[in-house]
Every structure is written in structure tokens, then in C-alpha cells.
């Protein structure tokens, strides 16, 4: 990762978007590592919703595999790690049955 000094030297407020949260920075980092800078909003959303250890495990898997389609392999690995399933411990809303 770059140091703060390097980031501030290269920062152009007219062209660069403002990043205020850590998960936004991690999402952009994921997009760069996976070779999809145009889809950074997707990776920012994933960084916000999915726990960090799961994302890091999937990223390590992709980097070690040296795949051509890194993003597709990353999404497949997230699916294998059950990252997209809702927590089973949460209560669900019950609907009232009509009589």
C-alpha cells in the first residue's frame, strides 16, 4: 500500500473521488488487484457487506491461482465460501395469515 505522503502528492481534487471510509479504500484496492477498476462500486459494496476475512481469503486464492479471469474466480470463491447467504440466526418477519 502507498504511504499517505505518496497519496497526497498524487491527489488531484478535480479528478479524484473523495474516499471517506475504510471499506471504500479496500473496495478500490480489490478492484485494482482483480483488474476491474471500472467496477469499483461493486467491490466497495462487497467490502461493506461481506466480512473482511472472507474477502481476503478469496483474494489470496485468486492471486495464488494466477488466473486470467481474476474477477470471475473471485466471485466463484466468494460463493464457495457462502459469502452471499444471509445469517441463519436472524429472525425473519412473519406474515399474518388471513382467516
Protein backbone atom coordinates (compact mmCIF):
# COMPACT_ATOMS: atom_id res chain seq x y z
CA UNK A 1 0.00 0.00 0.00
CA UNK A 2 1.06 3.58 -0.61
CA UNK A 3 2.06 5.92 2.17
CA UNK A 4 -0.03 8.98 2.99
CA UNK A 5 2.72 11.21 1.62
CA UNK A 6 2.61 9.48 -1.78
CA UNK A 7 -1.17 9.63 -1.91
CA UNK A 8 -1.25 13.34 -1.13
CA UNK A 9 1.38 14.08 -3.79
CA UNK A 10 -0.71 12.39 -6.47
CA UNK A 11 -4.12 13.61 -5.25
CA UNK A 12 -5.97 15.82 -7.72
CA UNK A 13 -9.18 17.16 -6.14
CA UNK A 14 -10.72 17.94 -9.52
CA UNK A 15 -10.36 14.40 -10.91
CA UNK A 16 -10.09 12.09 -7.90
CA UNK A 17 -13.12 10.99 -5.95
CA UNK A 18 -13.22 11.53 -2.23
CA UNK A 19 -12.90 8.41 -0.09
CA UNK A 20 -14.11 8.87 3.46
CA UNK A 21 -14.47 5.29 4.74
CA UNK A 22 -12.03 2.44 5.11
CA UNK A 23 -14.25 -0.06 3.28
CA UNK A 24 -14.26 2.27 0.25
CA UNK A 25 -10.48 2.20 0.12
CA UNK A 26 -10.48 -1.59 0.46
CA UNK A 27 -13.08 -1.91 -2.31
CA UNK A 28 -10.91 0.15 -4.64
CA UNK A 29 -7.90 -1.97 -3.64
CA UNK A 30 -9.87 -5.13 -4.57
CA UNK A 31 -10.90 -3.65 -7.93
CA UNK A 32 -7.29 -2.82 -8.75
CA UNK A 33 -5.97 -6.23 -7.70
CA UNK A 34 -8.64 -8.02 -9.74
CA UNK A 35 -8.08 -5.84 -12.80
CA UNK A 36 -11.53 -4.25 -12.87
CA UNK A 37 -11.13 -0.57 -11.99
CA UNK A 38 -14.39 0.33 -13.76
CA UNK A 39 -16.40 -1.88 -11.39
CA UNK A 40 -15.04 -0.41 -8.18
CA UNK A 41 -18.56 0.34 -6.89
CA UNK A 42 -19.29 -3.40 -6.86
CA UNK A 43 -16.18 -4.12 -4.84
CA UNK A 44 -16.89 -1.23 -2.46
CA UNK A 45 -20.32 -2.75 -1.82
CA UNK A 46 -18.77 -6.17 -1.23
CA UNK A 47 -16.22 -4.64 1.16
CA UNK A 48 -19.06 -3.04 3.09
CA UNK A 49 -21.34 -6.10 3.31
CA UNK A 50 -19.01 -9.13 3.49
CA UNK A 51 -16.66 -9.74 6.43
CA UNK A 52 -13.03 -8.89 5.68
CA UNK A 53 -11.54 -12.35 6.40
CA UNK A 54 -13.76 -13.91 3.72
CA UNK A 55 -12.76 -11.28 1.16
CA UNK A 56 -9.08 -11.69 1.99
CA UNK A 57 -9.28 -15.47 1.68
CA UNK A 58 -10.94 -15.22 -1.73
CA UNK A 59 -8.38 -12.65 -2.89
CA UNK A 60 -5.47 -14.84 -1.74
CA UNK A 61 -7.00 -17.78 -3.61
CA UNK A 62 -7.22 -15.75 -6.82
CA UNK A 63 -3.69 -14.37 -6.55
CA UNK A 64 -2.24 -17.83 -5.88
CA UNK A 65 -4.17 -19.32 -8.81
CA UNK A 66 -2.72 -16.83 -11.33
CA UNK A 67 -5.96 -16.94 -13.32
CA UNK A 68 -6.71 -14.93 -16.45
CA UNK A 69 -10.24 -14.05 -15.32
CA UNK A 70 -9.47 -12.97 -11.78
CA UNK A 71 -12.80 -11.29 -11.10
CA UNK A 72 -14.83 -14.34 -12.14
CA UNK A 73 -12.70 -16.62 -9.99
CA UNK A 74 -13.02 -14.20 -7.07
CA UNK A 75 -16.81 -14.22 -7.28
CA UNK A 76 -16.86 -18.01 -7.59
CA UNK A 77 -14.69 -18.34 -4.47
CA UNK A 78 -16.96 -15.97 -2.54
CA UNK A 79 -19.90 -18.17 -3.49
CA UNK A 80 -17.98 -21.27 -2.35
CA UNK A 81 -17.30 -19.57 0.99
CA UNK A 82 -21.05 -18.85 1.38
CA UNK A 83 -20.43 -15.12 1.50
CA UNK A 84 -23.76 -14.29 -0.12
CA UNK A 85 -26.02 -16.23 2.24
CA UNK A 86 -27.90 -14.36 4.90
CA UNK A 87 -27.23 -15.14 8.53
CA UNK A 88 -29.39 -18.04 9.61
CA UNK A 89 -29.51 -16.68 13.17
CA UNK A 90 -31.55 -13.63 12.24
CA UNK A 91 -35.24 -13.60 12.92
CA UNK A 92 -37.46 -13.44 9.89
CA UNK A 93 -40.67 -11.46 9.65
CA UNK A 94 -43.81 -13.49 9.91
CA UNK A 95 -46.78 -12.56 7.86
CA UNK A 96 -50.26 -12.75 9.31
CA UNK A 97 -52.47 -15.36 7.81
CA UNK A 98 -55.92 -14.30 6.78
CA UNK A 99 -58.82 -16.21 8.23
